[in-house]
Structure formats: structure tokens, C-alpha cells
Amino acid sequence: MLDFLIMVDSVAIILLTLLQSGKSAGVSSAFSGGNGGLNLFTNTKERGPEKVFANATLICGFLFFILVIVKLATK
């Protein structure tokens, strides 16, 4: 049962990640400051569906971490 929950959570994380829009033009432009000062470490605020997807991804990530720890503890 625990294996099934981990698989379902993994699929949910993948789908939620794919549904999110990109936040930058790329890694090289984020570090070099291209695209009008776009920076990887700026504080961007999601709104509407983007915020829902970001929060759901975060929750699924924590759930995945907890499920894996429980699985390892019960081995």
C-alpha cells in the first residue's frame, strides 16, 4: 500500500511540475543577468492558478519525503 502511495505522489509531482509555467528564460540568463535584469534569486509572487500549482507541488514534495522516510523506517 505504501508503494502505491509513493507512486501516485510521484506522478502527481511530475504532472504539477509540468503544469507550471517557466519563471525565467534559462539558467544562463538567470545567472548572467540577461533579459532586463532577470535574476534567479529575485522574489517572484505567483498569483491565481500558478500559486495553486506551486503550493500543491510543495505539499506533494513534503508528502513524498514523509512517505519515503516511513517506508525506510518500516523496512
C-alpha atoms as a PDB file:
ATOM      1  CA  MET A   1       0.000   0.000   0.000  1.00  0.00           C
ATOM      2  CA  LEU A   2       2.835   2.376   0.837  1.00  0.00           C
ATOM      3  CA  ASP A   3       4.492   1.684  -2.519  1.00  0.00           C
ATOM      4  CA  PHE A   4       1.262   2.592  -4.301  1.00  0.00           C
ATOM      5  CA  LEU A   5       1.012   5.907  -2.405  1.00  0.00           C
ATOM      6  CA  ILE A   6       4.609   6.758  -3.292  1.00  0.00           C
ATOM      7  CA  MET A   7       3.953   6.045  -6.985  1.00  0.00           C
ATOM      8  CA  VAL A   8       0.766   8.136  -7.027  1.00  0.00           C
ATOM      9  CA  ASP A   9       2.552  11.001  -5.272  1.00  0.00           C
ATOM     10  CA  SER A  10       5.439  10.774  -7.749  1.00  0.00           C
ATOM     11  CA  VAL A  11       3.063  11.030 -10.701  1.00  0.00           C
ATOM     12  CA  ALA A  12       1.318  13.994  -9.040  1.00  0.00           C
ATOM     13  CA  ILE A  13       4.657  15.792  -8.555  1.00  0.00           C
ATOM     14  CA  ILE A  14       5.605  15.221 -12.197  1.00  0.00           C
ATOM     15  CA  LEU A  15       2.250  16.443 -13.501  1.00  0.00           C
ATOM     16  CA  LEU A  16       2.183  19.501 -11.241  1.00  0.00           C
ATOM     17  CA  THR A  17       5.717  20.396 -12.255  1.00  0.00           C
ATOM     18  CA  LEU A  18       4.864  20.135 -15.942  1.00  0.00           C
ATOM     19  CA  LEU A  19       1.753  22.305 -15.476  1.00  0.00           C
ATOM     20  CA  GLN A  20       3.769  25.164 -14.005  1.00  0.00           C
ATOM     21  CA  SER A  21       4.963  27.912 -16.308  1.00  0.00           C
ATOM     22  CA  GLY A  22       8.648  28.710 -16.634  1.00  0.00           C
ATOM     23  CA  LYS A  23       9.864  31.535 -14.443  1.00  0.00           C
ATOM     24  CA  SER A  24      12.925  32.519 -16.486  1.00  0.00           C
ATOM     25  CA  ALA A  25      14.331  32.373 -19.982  1.00  0.00           C
ATOM     26  CA  GLY A  26      17.010  29.923 -18.922  1.00  0.00           C
ATOM     27  CA  VAL A  27      19.746  29.186 -16.447  1.00  0.00           C
ATOM     28  CA  SER A  28      22.428  31.124 -18.308  1.00  0.00           C
ATOM     29  CA  SER A  29      20.351  34.307 -18.496  1.00  0.00           C
ATOM     30  CA  ALA A  30      19.369  33.967 -14.842  1.00  0.00           C
ATOM     31  CA  PHE A  31      22.989  33.976 -13.681  1.00  0.00           C
ATOM     32  CA  SER A  32      24.362  36.410 -16.265  1.00  0.00           C
ATOM     33  CA  GLY A  33      21.619  38.980 -15.755  1.00  0.00           C
ATOM     34  CA  GLY A  34      20.252  38.863 -19.287  1.00  0.00           C
ATOM     35  CA  ASN A  35      16.656  39.728 -20.232  1.00  0.00           C
ATOM     36  CA  GLY A  36      16.463  43.070 -18.494  1.00  0.00           C
ATOM     37  CA  GLY A  37      17.965  42.053 -15.184  1.00  0.00           C
ATOM     38  CA  LEU A  38      16.069  38.811 -14.707  1.00  0.00           C
ATOM     39  CA  ASN A  39      17.661  37.114 -11.733  1.00  0.00           C
ATOM     40  CA  LEU A  40      17.279  33.594 -10.390  1.00  0.00           C
ATOM     41  CA  PHE A  41      17.160  34.835  -6.810  1.00  0.00           C
ATOM     42  CA  THR A  42      14.509  37.540  -7.200  1.00  0.00           C
ATOM     43  CA  ASN A  43      11.342  37.273  -5.168  1.00  0.00           C
ATOM     44  CA  THR A  44       8.571  36.401  -7.615  1.00  0.00           C
ATOM     45  CA  LYS A  45       4.993  36.065  -6.424  1.00  0.00           C
ATOM     46  CA  GLU A  46       2.660  33.626  -8.056  1.00  0.00           C
ATOM     47  CA  ARG A  47      -0.980  34.548  -8.426  1.00  0.00           C
ATOM     48  CA  GLY A  48      -4.093  32.550  -9.225  1.00  0.00           C
ATOM     49  CA  PRO A  49      -3.553  29.086 -10.719  1.00  0.00           C
ATOM     50  CA  GLU A  50       0.245  29.435 -10.581  1.00  0.00           C
ATOM     51  CA  LYS A  51       0.072  29.798  -6.812  1.00  0.00           C
ATOM     52  CA  VAL A  52      -2.214  26.768  -6.509  1.00  0.00           C
ATOM     53  CA  PHE A  53       0.158  24.638  -8.602  1.00  0.00           C
ATOM     54  CA  ALA A  54       3.196  25.842  -6.641  1.00  0.00           C
ATOM     55  CA  ASN A  55       1.553  25.112  -3.278  1.00  0.00           C
ATOM     56  CA  ALA A  56       0.273  21.706  -4.423  1.00  0.00           C
ATOM     57  CA  THR A  57       3.758  20.787  -5.679  1.00  0.00           C
ATOM     58  CA  LEU A  58       5.271  21.803  -2.357  1.00  0.00           C
ATOM     59  CA  ILE A  59       2.725  19.742  -0.412  1.00  0.00           C
ATOM     60  CA  CYS A  60       3.259  16.701  -2.652  1.00  0.00           C
ATOM     61  CA  GLY A  61       7.013  17.055  -2.195  1.00  0.00           C
ATOM     62  CA  PHE A  62       6.701  17.044   1.592  1.00  0.00           C
ATOM     63  CA  LEU A  63       4.296  14.109   1.414  1.00  0.00           C
ATOM     64  CA  PHE A  64       6.757  12.203  -0.787  1.00  0.00           C
ATOM     65  CA  PHE A  65       9.560  12.861   1.697  1.00  0.00           C
ATOM     66  CA  ILE A  66       7.440  11.639   4.616  1.00  0.00           C
ATOM     67  CA  LEU A  67       6.260   8.524   2.756  1.00  0.00           C
ATOM     68  CA  VAL A  68       9.821   7.554   1.843  1.00  0.00           C
ATOM     69  CA  ILE A  69      11.007   8.048   5.434  1.00  0.00           C
ATOM     70  CA  VAL A  70       8.118   5.889   6.706  1.00  0.00           C
ATOM     71  CA  LYS A  71       8.924   3.218   4.124  1.00  0.00           C
ATOM     72  CA  LEU A  72      12.582   3.168   5.140  1.00  0.00           C
ATOM     73  CA  ALA A  73      11.642   3.033   8.841  1.00  0.00           C
ATOM     74  CA  THR A  74       9.354   0.043   8.339  1.00  0.00           C
ATOM     75  CA  LYS A  75      11.876  -1.981   6.351  1.00  0.00           C
END
